[in-house]
PDB file of all heavy atoms in Angstrom:
ATOM      1  N   VAL A   1      22.738 -22.334  25.215  1.00  0.00           N
ATOM      2  CA  VAL A   1      21.969 -22.414  23.969  1.00  0.00           C
ATOM      3  C   VAL A   1      21.525 -21.011  23.557  1.00  0.00           C
ATOM      4  O   VAL A   1      21.622 -20.633  22.389  1.00  0.00           O
ATOM      5  CB  VAL A   1      20.743 -23.337  24.140  1.00  0.00           C
ATOM      6  CG1 VAL A   1      19.917 -23.356  22.850  1.00  0.00           C
ATOM      7  CG2 VAL A   1      21.182 -24.745  24.518  1.00  0.00           C
ATOM      8  N   GLY A   2      21.042 -20.230  24.513  1.00  0.00           N
ATOM      9  CA  GLY A   2      20.618 -18.864  24.218  1.00  0.00           C
ATOM     10  C   GLY A   2      21.777 -17.980  23.797  1.00  0.00           C
ATOM     11  O   GLY A   2      21.660 -17.187  22.858  1.00  0.00           O
ATOM     12  N   ILE A   3      22.909 -18.112  24.492  1.00  0.00           N
ATOM     13  CA  ILE A   3      24.088 -17.319  24.150  1.00  0.00           C
ATOM     14  C   ILE A   3      24.567 -17.665  22.741  1.00  0.00           C
ATOM     15  O   ILE A   3      24.854 -16.773  21.931  1.00  0.00           O
ATOM     16  CB  ILE A   3      25.210 -17.559  25.177  1.00  0.00           C
ATOM     17  CG1 ILE A   3      24.790 -17.006  26.551  1.00  0.00           C
ATOM     18  CG2 ILE A   3      26.515 -16.919  24.721  1.00  0.00           C
ATOM     19  CD1 ILE A   3      25.717 -17.403  27.687  1.00  0.00           C
ATOM     20  N   ALA A   4      24.624 -18.963  22.433  1.00  0.00           N
ATOM     21  CA  ALA A   4      25.071 -19.396  21.106  1.00  0.00           C
ATOM     22  C   ALA A   4      24.109 -18.927  20.023  1.00  0.00           C
ATOM     23  O   ALA A   4      24.539 -18.526  18.930  1.00  0.00           O
ATOM     24  CB  ALA A   4      25.190 -20.919  21.068  1.00  0.00           C
ATOM     25  N   THR A   5      22.816 -18.951  20.316  1.00  0.00           N
ATOM     26  CA  THR A   5      21.824 -18.513  19.335  1.00  0.00           C
ATOM     27  C   THR A   5      21.983 -17.038  19.012  1.00  0.00           C
ATOM     28  O   THR A   5      22.045 -16.637  17.845  1.00  0.00           O
ATOM     29  CB  THR A   5      20.399 -18.782  19.859  1.00  0.00           C
ATOM     30  OG1 THR A   5      20.213 -20.196  20.017  1.00  0.00           O
ATOM     31  CG2 THR A   5      19.346 -18.239  18.895  1.00  0.00           C
ATOM     32  N   ALA A   6      22.048 -16.203  20.050  1.00  0.00           N
ATOM     33  CA  ALA A   6      22.200 -14.762  19.825  1.00  0.00           C
ATOM     34  C   ALA A   6      23.500 -14.458  19.091  1.00  0.00           C
ATOM     35  O   ALA A   6      23.525 -13.628  18.166  1.00  0.00           O
ATOM     36  CB  ALA A   6      22.157 -14.016  21.161  1.00  0.00           C
ATOM     37  N   TRP A   7      24.585 -15.136  19.466  1.00  0.00           N
ATOM     38  CA  TRP A   7      25.883 -14.872  18.843  1.00  0.00           C
ATOM     39  C   TRP A   7      25.878 -15.268  17.372  1.00  0.00           C
ATOM     40  O   TRP A   7      26.328 -14.500  16.506  1.00  0.00           O
ATOM     41  CB  TRP A   7      26.988 -15.622  19.575  1.00  0.00           C
ATOM     42  CG  TRP A   7      28.351 -15.274  19.044  1.00  0.00           C
ATOM     43  CD1 TRP A   7      29.151 -14.230  19.417  1.00  0.00           C
ATOM     44  CD2 TRP A   7      29.059 -15.962  18.010  1.00  0.00           C
ATOM     45  NE1 TRP A   7      30.307 -14.221  18.679  1.00  0.00           N
ATOM     46  CE2 TRP A   7      30.282 -15.266  17.808  1.00  0.00           C
ATOM     47  CE3 TRP A   7      28.784 -17.094  17.242  1.00  0.00           C
ATOM     48  CZ2 TRP A   7      31.215 -15.690  16.876  1.00  0.00           C
ATOM     49  CZ3 TRP A   7      29.722 -17.504  16.296  1.00  0.00           C
ATOM     50  CH2 TRP A   7      30.915 -16.795  16.123  1.00  0.00           C
ATOM     51  N   THR A   8      25.370 -16.473  17.047  1.00  0.00           N
ATOM     52  CA  THR A   8      25.370 -16.922  15.648  1.00  0.00           C
ATOM     53  C   THR A   8      24.413 -16.092  14.798  1.00  0.00           C
ATOM     54  O   THR A   8      24.688 -15.819  13.634  1.00  0.00           O
ATOM     55  CB  THR A   8      25.015 -18.411  15.544  1.00  0.00           C
ATOM     56  OG1 THR A   8      23.745 -18.655  16.183  1.00  0.00           O
ATOM     57  CG2 THR A   8      26.086 -19.273  16.210  1.00  0.00           C
ATOM     58  N   ASN A   9      23.284 -15.673  15.382  1.00  0.00           N
ATOM     59  CA  ASN A   9      22.358 -14.803  14.642  1.00  0.00           C
ATOM     60  C   ASN A   9      23.032 -13.486  14.274  1.00  0.00           C
ATOM     61  O   ASN A   9      22.962 -13.014  13.131  1.00  0.00           O
ATOM     62  CB  ASN A   9      21.103 -14.531  15.465  1.00  0.00           C
ATOM     63  CG  ASN A   9      20.209 -15.747  15.599  1.00  0.00           C
ATOM     64  OD1 ASN A   9      20.471 -16.797  15.018  1.00  0.00           O
ATOM     65  ND2 ASN A   9      19.153 -15.616  16.381  1.00  0.00           N
ATOM     66  N   LEU A  10      23.675 -12.863  15.260  1.00  0.00           N
ATOM     67  CA  LEU A  10      24.344 -11.586  15.013  1.00  0.00           C
ATOM     68  C   LEU A  10      25.521 -11.745  14.066  1.00  0.00           C
ATOM     69  O   LEU A  10      25.805 -10.856  13.256  1.00  0.00           O
ATOM     70  CB  LEU A  10      24.807 -10.981  16.350  1.00  0.00           C
ATOM     71  CG  LEU A  10      23.683 -10.450  17.247  1.00  0.00           C
ATOM     72  CD1 LEU A  10      24.225 -10.127  18.634  1.00  0.00           C
ATOM     73  CD2 LEU A  10      23.034  -9.213  16.633  1.00  0.00           C
ATOM     74  N   HIS A  11      26.201 -12.875  14.165  1.00  0.00           N
ATOM     75  CA  HIS A  11      27.327 -13.128  13.251  1.00  0.00           C
ATOM     76  C   HIS A  11      26.837 -13.143  11.803  1.00  0.00           C
ATOM     77  O   HIS A  11      27.477 -12.553  10.913  1.00  0.00           O
ATOM     78  CB  HIS A  11      27.981 -14.464  13.596  1.00  0.00           C
ATOM     79  CG  HIS A  11      29.089 -14.853  12.662  1.00  0.00           C
ATOM     80  ND1 HIS A  11      30.283 -14.185  12.607  1.00  0.00           N
ATOM     81  CD2 HIS A  11      29.165 -15.845  11.733  1.00  0.00           C
ATOM     82  CE1 HIS A  11      31.059 -14.740  11.698  1.00  0.00           C
ATOM     83  NE2 HIS A  11      30.402 -15.742  11.138  1.00  0.00           N
ATOM     84  N   TYR A  12      25.708 -13.811  11.553  1.00  0.00           N
ATOM     85  CA  TYR A  12      25.164 -13.834  10.194  1.00  0.00           C
ATOM     86  C   TYR A  12      24.696 -12.448   9.769  1.00  0.00           C
ATOM     87  O   TYR A  12      24.934 -12.015   8.639  1.00  0.00           O
ATOM     88  CB  TYR A  12      24.001 -14.815  10.104  1.00  0.00           C
ATOM     89  CG  TYR A  12      23.232 -14.685   8.804  1.00  0.00           C
ATOM     90  CD1 TYR A  12      23.790 -15.084   7.600  1.00  0.00           C
ATOM     91  CD2 TYR A  12      21.952 -14.127   8.791  1.00  0.00           C
ATOM     92  CE1 TYR A  12      23.097 -14.946   6.399  1.00  0.00           C
ATOM     93  CE2 TYR A  12      21.250 -13.972   7.599  1.00  0.00           C
ATOM     94  CZ  TYR A  12      21.832 -14.387   6.408  1.00  0.00           C
ATOM     95  OH  TYR A  12      21.154 -14.233   5.233  1.00  0.00           O
ATOM     96  N   LEU A  13      24.026 -11.746  10.682  1.00  0.00           N
ATOM     97  CA  LEU A  13      23.471 -10.443  10.335  1.00  0.00           C
ATOM     98  C   LEU A  13      24.538  -9.413   9.985  1.00  0.00           C
ATOM     99  O   LEU A  13      24.286  -8.487   9.206  1.00  0.00           O
ATOM    100  CB  LEU A  13      22.607  -9.922  11.495  1.00  0.00           C
ATOM    101  CG  LEU A  13      21.295 -10.669  11.749  1.00  0.00           C
ATOM    102  CD1 LEU A  13      20.643 -10.179  13.032  1.00  0.00           C
ATOM    103  CD2 LEU A  13      20.345 -10.511  10.572  1.00  0.00           C
ATOM    104  N   TYR A  14      25.749  -9.576  10.542  1.00  0.00           N
ATOM    105  CA  TYR A  14      26.776  -8.548  10.349  1.00  0.00           C
ATOM    106  C   TYR A  14      28.052  -9.054   9.678  1.00  0.00           C
ATOM    107  O   TYR A  14      28.973  -8.258   9.483  1.00  0.00           O
ATOM    108  CB  TYR A  14      27.133  -7.915  11.696  1.00  0.00           C
ATOM    109  CG  TYR A  14      26.061  -6.967  12.180  1.00  0.00           C
ATOM    110  CD1 TYR A  14      25.128  -7.360  13.136  1.00  0.00           C
ATOM    111  CD2 TYR A  14      25.956  -5.673  11.670  1.00  0.00           C
ATOM    112  CE1 TYR A  14      24.132  -6.495  13.577  1.00  0.00           C
ATOM    113  CE2 TYR A  14      24.966  -4.805  12.105  1.00  0.00           C
ATOM    114  CZ  TYR A  14      24.057  -5.219  13.058  1.00  0.00           C
ATOM    115  OH  TYR A  14      23.070  -4.366  13.485  1.00  0.00           O
ATOM    116  N   ARG A  15      28.114 -10.318   9.299  1.00  0.00           N
ATOM    117  CA  ARG A  15      29.332 -10.800   8.647  1.00  0.00           C
ATOM    118  C   ARG A  15      29.507 -10.097   7.307  1.00  0.00           C
ATOM    119  O   ARG A  15      28.533  -9.709   6.654  1.00  0.00           O
ATOM    120  CB  ARG A  15      29.306 -12.313   8.477  1.00  0.00           C
ATOM    121  CG  ARG A  15      28.227 -12.830   7.558  1.00  0.00           C
ATOM    122  CD  ARG A  15      28.219 -14.343   7.476  1.00  0.00           C
ATOM    123  NE  ARG A  15      29.451 -14.845   6.885  1.00  0.00           N
ATOM    124  CZ  ARG A  15      29.637 -16.133   6.608  1.00  0.00           C
ATOM    125  NH1 ARG A  15      28.703 -17.031   6.896  1.00  0.00           N
ATOM    126  NH2 ARG A  15      30.767 -16.526   6.048  1.00  0.00           N
ATOM    127  N   ALA A  16      30.739  -9.970   6.884  1.00  0.00           N
ATOM    128  CA  ALA A  16      31.046  -9.164   5.695  1.00  0.00           C
ATOM    129  C   ALA A  16      30.440  -9.735   4.418  1.00  0.00           C
ATOM    130  O   ALA A  16      29.767  -9.032   3.660  1.00  0.00           O
ATOM    131  CB  ALA A  16      32.559  -9.039   5.550  1.00  0.00           C
ATOM    132  N   LYS A  17      30.647 -11.013   4.168  1.00  0.00           N
ATOM    133  CA  LYS A  17      30.180 -11.605   2.914  1.00  0.00           C
ATOM    134  C   LYS A  17      29.508 -12.950   3.188  1.00  0.00           C
ATOM    135  O   LYS A  17      30.154 -13.996   3.142  1.00  0.00           O
ATOM    136  CB  LYS A  17      31.350 -11.796   1.948  1.00  0.00           C
ATOM    137  CG  LYS A  17      31.963 -10.496   1.457  1.00  0.00           C
ATOM    138  CD  LYS A  17      33.088 -10.775   0.471  1.00  0.00           C
ATOM    139  CE  LYS A  17      33.694  -9.473  -0.040  1.00  0.00           C
ATOM    140  NZ  LYS A  17      34.804  -9.722  -1.002  1.00  0.00           N
ATOM    141  N   PRO A  18      28.198 -12.938   3.474  1.00  0.00           N
ATOM    142  CA  PRO A  18      27.508 -14.211   3.697  1.00  0.00           C
ATOM    143  C   PRO A  18      27.463 -15.035   2.422  1.00  0.00           C
ATOM    144  O   PRO A  18      27.470 -14.495   1.307  1.00  0.00           O
ATOM    145  CB  PRO A  18      26.098 -13.777   4.125  1.00  0.00           C
ATOM    146  CG  PRO A  18      25.940 -12.412   3.550  1.00  0.00           C
ATOM    147  CD  PRO A  18      27.301 -11.783   3.589  1.00  0.00           C
ATOM    148  N   GLY A  19      27.441 -16.350   2.587  1.00  0.00           N
ATOM    149  CA  GLY A  19      27.353 -17.245   1.446  1.00  0.00           C
ATOM    150  C   GLY A  19      26.008 -17.116   0.748  1.00  0.00           C
ATOM    151  O   GLY A  19      25.033 -16.615   1.311  1.00  0.00           O
ATOM    152  N   VAL A  20      25.956 -17.590  -0.489  1.00  0.00           N
ATOM    153  CA  VAL A  20      24.772 -17.393  -1.309  1.00  0.00           C
ATOM    154  C   VAL A  20      23.530 -18.072  -0.734  1.00  0.00           C
ATOM    155  O   VAL A  20      22.413 -17.589  -0.918  1.00  0.00           O
ATOM    156  CB  VAL A  20      25.049 -17.886  -2.757  1.00  0.00           C
ATOM    157  CG1 VAL A  20      25.216 -19.412  -2.798  1.00  0.00           C
ATOM    158  CG2 VAL A  20      23.948 -17.447  -3.704  1.00  0.00           C
ATOM    159  N   LEU A  21      23.710 -19.178  -0.018  1.00  0.00           N
ATOM    160  CA  LEU A  21      22.570 -19.874   0.592  1.00  0.00           C
ATOM    161  C   LEU A  21      22.643 -19.881   2.116  1.00  0.00           C
ATOM    162  O   LEU A  21      21.985 -20.701   2.758  1.00  0.00           O
ATOM    163  CB  LEU A  21      22.475 -21.315   0.064  1.00  0.00           C
ATOM    164  CG  LEU A  21      21.958 -21.471  -1.367  1.00  0.00           C
ATOM    165  CD1 LEU A  21      21.857 -22.947  -1.740  1.00  0.00           C
ATOM    166  CD2 LEU A  21      20.600 -20.794  -1.544  1.00  0.00           C
ATOM    167  N   ASP A  22      23.413 -18.964   2.675  1.00  0.00           N
ATOM    168  CA  ASP A  22      23.483 -18.896   4.139  1.00  0.00           C
ATOM    169  C   ASP A  22      22.132 -18.544   4.748  1.00  0.00           C
ATOM    170  O   ASP A  22      21.822 -18.950   5.874  1.00  0.00           O
ATOM    171  CB  ASP A  22      24.530 -17.869   4.579  1.00  0.00           C
ATOM    172  CG  ASP A  22      25.941 -18.452   4.526  1.00  0.00           C
ATOM    173  OD1 ASP A  22      26.083 -19.625   4.128  1.00  0.00           O
ATOM    174  OD2 ASP A  22      26.888 -17.727   4.877  1.00  0.00           O
ATOM    175  N   TRP A  23      21.316 -17.774   4.017  1.00  0.00           N
ATOM    176  CA  TRP A  23      19.978 -17.438   4.533  1.00  0.00           C
ATOM    177  C   TRP A  23      19.155 -18.703   4.763  1.00  0.00           C
ATOM    178  O   TRP A  23      18.382 -18.784   5.735  1.00  0.00           O
ATOM    179  CB  TRP A  23      19.240 -16.517   3.548  1.00  0.00           C
ATOM    180  CG  TRP A  23      18.917 -17.159   2.225  1.00  0.00           C
ATOM    181  CD1 TRP A  23      19.661 -17.116   1.083  1.00  0.00           C
ATOM    182  CD2 TRP A  23      17.756 -17.949   1.918  1.00  0.00           C
ATOM    183  NE1 TRP A  23      19.048 -17.832   0.078  1.00  0.00           N
ATOM    184  CE2 TRP A  23      17.878 -18.352   0.556  1.00  0.00           C
ATOM    185  CE3 TRP A  23      16.641 -18.344   2.655  1.00  0.00           C
ATOM    186  CZ2 TRP A  23      16.915 -19.150  -0.076  1.00  0.00           C
ATOM    187  CZ3 TRP A  23      15.680 -19.142   2.020  1.00  0.00           C
ATOM    188  CH2 TRP A  23      15.831 -19.535   0.675  1.00  0.00           C
ATOM    189  N   LEU A  24      19.328 -19.699   3.881  1.00  0.00           N
ATOM    190  CA  LEU A  24      18.582 -20.943   4.016  1.00  0.00           C
ATOM    191  C   LEU A  24      19.096 -21.757   5.197  1.00  0.00           C
ATOM    192  O   LEU A  24      18.308 -22.354   5.946  1.00  0.00           O
ATOM    193  CB  LEU A  24      18.693 -21.749   2.720  1.00  0.00           C
ATOM    194  CG  LEU A  24      17.933 -23.084   2.674  1.00  0.00           C
ATOM    195  CD1 LEU A  24      16.456 -22.879   3.019  1.00  0.00           C
ATOM    196  CD2 LEU A  24      18.093 -23.733   1.306  1.00  0.00           C
ATOM    197  N   LYS A  25      20.407 -21.762   5.378  1.00  0.00           N
ATOM    198  CA  LYS A  25      20.976 -22.469   6.526  1.00  0.00           C
ATOM    199  C   LYS A  25      20.515 -21.836   7.839  1.00  0.00           C
ATOM    200  O   LYS A  25      20.234 -22.538   8.820  1.00  0.00           O
ATOM    201  CB  LYS A  25      22.500 -22.468   6.446  1.00  0.00           C
ATOM    202  CG  LYS A  25      23.061 -23.278   5.276  1.00  0.00           C
ATOM    203  CD  LYS A  25      24.578 -23.222   5.259  1.00  0.00           C
ATOM    204  CE  LYS A  25      25.157 -24.006   4.100  1.00  0.00           C
ATOM    205  NZ  LYS A  25      26.630 -23.964   4.067  1.00  0.00           N
ATOM    206  N   GLU A  26      20.453 -20.505   7.870  1.00  0.00           N
ATOM    207  CA  GLU A  26      19.983 -19.820   9.073  1.00  0.00           C
ATOM    208  C   GLU A  26      18.494 -20.103   9.316  1.00  0.00           C
ATOM    209  O   GLU A  26      18.066 -20.262  10.458  1.00  0.00           O
ATOM    210  CB  GLU A  26      20.218 -18.314   8.934  1.00  0.00           C
ATOM    211  CG  GLU A  26      21.676 -17.902   8.975  1.00  0.00           C
ATOM    212  CD  GLU A  26      22.333 -18.248  10.304  1.00  0.00           C
ATOM    213  OE1 GLU A  26      21.907 -17.711  11.341  1.00  0.00           O
ATOM    214  OE2 GLU A  26      23.273 -19.062  10.297  1.00  0.00           O
ATOM    215  N   HIS A  27      17.728 -20.138   8.238  1.00  0.00           N
ATOM    216  CA  HIS A  27      16.303 -20.466   8.338  1.00  0.00           C
ATOM    217  C   HIS A  27      16.125 -21.857   8.951  1.00  0.00           C
ATOM    218  O   HIS A  27      15.300 -22.057   9.852  1.00  0.00           O
ATOM    219  CB  HIS A  27      15.680 -20.403   6.946  1.00  0.00           C
ATOM    220  CG  HIS A  27      14.274 -20.909   6.881  1.00  0.00           C
ATOM    221  ND1 HIS A  27      13.210 -20.255   7.480  1.00  0.00           N
ATOM    222  CD2 HIS A  27      13.748 -22.010   6.285  1.00  0.00           C
ATOM    223  CE1 HIS A  27      12.102 -20.926   7.248  1.00  0.00           C
ATOM    224  NE2 HIS A  27      12.393 -22.002   6.535  1.00  0.00           N
ATOM    225  N   ILE A  28      16.901 -22.809   8.461  1.00  0.00           N
ATOM    226  CA  ILE A  28      16.832 -24.177   8.991  1.00  0.00           C
ATOM    227  C   ILE A  28      17.223 -24.200  10.462  1.00  0.00           C
ATOM    228  O   ILE A  28      16.541 -24.792  11.301  1.00  0.00           O
ATOM    229  CB  ILE A  28      17.754 -25.107   8.175  1.00  0.00           C
ATOM    230  CG1 ILE A  28      17.212 -25.283   6.758  1.00  0.00           C
ATOM    231  CG2 ILE A  28      17.911 -26.460   8.869  1.00  0.00           C
ATOM    232  CD1 ILE A  28      18.183 -25.951   5.809  1.00  0.00           C
ATOM    233  N   LYS A  29      18.343 -23.556  10.772  1.00  0.00           N
ATOM    234  CA  LYS A  29      18.829 -23.531  12.159  1.00  0.00           C
ATOM    235  C   LYS A  29      17.777 -22.970  13.102  1.00  0.00           C
ATOM    236  O   LYS A  29      17.507 -23.534  14.175  1.00  0.00           O
ATOM    237  CB  LYS A  29      20.088 -22.680  12.245  1.00  0.00           C
ATOM    238  CG  LYS A  29      20.663 -22.521  13.656  1.00  0.00           C
ATOM    239  CD  LYS A  29      21.575 -21.310  13.755  1.00  0.00           C
ATOM    240  CE  LYS A  29      20.792 -20.001  13.805  1.00  0.00           C
ATOM    241  NZ  LYS A  29      21.672 -18.822  13.968  1.00  0.00           N
ATOM    242  N   ALA A  30      17.168 -21.862  12.707  1.00  0.00           N
ATOM    243  CA  ALA A  30      16.250 -21.165  13.590  1.00  0.00           C
ATOM    244  C   ALA A  30      14.953 -21.938  13.803  1.00  0.00           C
ATOM    245  O   ALA A  30      14.506 -22.120  14.946  1.00  0.00           O
ATOM    246  CB  ALA A  30      15.941 -19.774  13.038  1.00  0.00           C
ATOM    247  N   LEU A  31      14.335 -22.401  12.723  1.00  0.00           N
ATOM    248  CA  LEU A  31      13.026 -23.028  12.885  1.00  0.00           C
ATOM    249  C   LEU A  31      13.129 -24.449  13.430  1.00  0.00           C
ATOM    250  O   LEU A  31      12.253 -24.886  14.184  1.00  0.00           O
ATOM    251  CB  LEU A  31      12.258 -22.982  11.565  1.00  0.00           C
ATOM    252  CG  LEU A  31      11.872 -21.551  11.160  1.00  0.00           C
ATOM    253  CD1 LEU A  31      10.965 -21.552   9.943  1.00  0.00           C
ATOM    254  CD2 LEU A  31      11.180 -20.816  12.305  1.00  0.00           C
ATOM    255  N   VAL A  32      14.194 -25.162  13.105  1.00  0.00           N
ATOM    256  CA  VAL A  32      14.393 -26.458  13.765  1.00  0.00           C
ATOM    257  C   VAL A  32      14.716 -26.224  15.238  1.00  0.00           C
ATOM    258  O   VAL A  32      14.258 -26.967  16.113  1.00  0.00           O
ATOM    259  CB  VAL A  32      15.508 -27.269  13.081  1.00  0.00           C
ATOM    260  CG1 VAL A  32      15.831 -28.533  13.885  1.00  0.00           C
ATOM    261  CG2 VAL A  32      15.083 -27.665  11.668  1.00  0.00           C
ATOM    262  N   GLY A  33      15.467 -25.159  15.517  1.00  0.00           N
ATOM    263  CA  GLY A  33      15.744 -24.813  16.916  1.00  0.00           C
ATOM    264  C   GLY A  33      14.482 -24.504  17.692  1.00  0.00           C
ATOM    265  O   GLY A  33      14.342 -24.901  18.856  1.00  0.00           O
ATOM    266  N   ALA A  34      13.551 -23.808  17.057  1.00  0.00           N
ATOM    267  CA  ALA A  34      12.269 -23.536  17.706  1.00  0.00           C
ATOM    268  C   ALA A  34      11.512 -24.837  17.951  1.00  0.00           C
ATOM    269  O   ALA A  34      10.846 -24.991  18.976  1.00  0.00           O
ATOM    270  CB  ALA A  34      11.434 -22.588  16.845  1.00  0.00           C
ATOM    271  N   GLY A  35      11.634 -25.771  16.999  1.00  0.00           N
ATOM    272  CA  GLY A  35      11.001 -27.080  17.191  1.00  0.00           C
ATOM    273  C   GLY A  35      11.605 -27.824  18.367  1.00  0.00           C
ATOM    274  O   GLY A  35      10.891 -28.486  19.139  1.00  0.00           O
ATOM    275  N   ILE A  36      12.927 -27.705  18.525  1.00  0.00           N
ATOM    276  CA  ILE A  36      13.585 -28.325  19.680  1.00  0.00           C
ATOM    277  C   ILE A  36      12.986 -27.785  20.975  1.00  0.00           C
ATOM    278  O   ILE A  36      12.725 -28.526  21.923  1.00  0.00           O
ATOM    279  CB  ILE A  36      15.096 -28.030  19.663  1.00  0.00           C
ATOM    280  CG1 ILE A  36      15.764 -28.684  18.458  1.00  0.00           C
ATOM    281  CG2 ILE A  36      15.758 -28.522  20.960  1.00  0.00           C
ATOM    282  CD1 ILE A  36      17.215 -28.282  18.290  1.00  0.00           C
ATOM    283  N   SER A  37      12.764 -26.480  21.009  1.00  0.00           N
ATOM    284  CA  SER A  37      12.280 -25.857  22.242  1.00  0.00           C
ATOM    285  C   SER A  37      10.901 -26.367  22.623  1.00  0.00           C
ATOM    286  O   SER A  37      10.625 -26.586  23.806  1.00  0.00           O
ATOM    287  CB  SER A  37      12.269 -24.336  22.095  1.00  0.00           C
ATOM    288  OG  SER A  37      11.247 -23.919  21.211  1.00  0.00           O
ATOM    289  N   VAL A  38      10.023 -26.565  21.641  1.00  0.00           N
ATOM    290  CA  VAL A  38       8.670 -27.004  21.982  1.00  0.00           C
ATOM    291  C   VAL A  38       8.668 -28.451  22.454  1.00  0.00           C
ATOM    292  O   VAL A  38       7.951 -28.814  23.400  1.00  0.00           O
ATOM    293  CB  VAL A  38       7.700 -26.798  20.800  1.00  0.00           C
ATOM    294  CG1 VAL A  38       7.930 -27.779  19.670  1.00  0.00           C
ATOM    295  CG2 VAL A  38       6.249 -26.906  21.284  1.00  0.00           C
ATOM    296  N   TYR A  39       9.498 -29.296  21.846  1.00  0.00           N
ATOM    297  CA  TYR A  39       9.567 -30.687  22.315  1.00  0.00           C
ATOM    298  C   TYR A  39      10.280 -30.786  23.657  1.00  0.00           C
ATOM    299  O   TYR A  39       9.947 -31.643  24.483  1.00  0.00           O
ATOM    300  CB  TYR A  39      10.240 -31.569  21.253  1.00  0.00           C
ATOM    301  CG  TYR A  39       9.266 -31.993  20.183  1.00  0.00           C
ATOM    302  CD1 TYR A  39       9.189 -31.309  18.978  1.00  0.00           C
ATOM    303  CD2 TYR A  39       8.386 -33.052  20.393  1.00  0.00           C
ATOM    304  CE1 TYR A  39       8.270 -31.679  18.002  1.00  0.00           C
ATOM    305  CE2 TYR A  39       7.467 -33.428  19.429  1.00  0.00           C
ATOM    306  CZ  TYR A  39       7.411 -32.740  18.233  1.00  0.00           C
ATOM    307  OH  TYR A  39       6.491 -33.103  17.276  1.00  0.00           O
TER     308      TYR A  39
END
């Protein structure tokens, strides 16, 4: 889970042309992921 998180985060941060709403998808992924961790 940690490896996949770091890899997908870096992929978004450095990909050539992110989609127009990819920031929102990443926001959802990250904060729901944080919610998973607390539960």
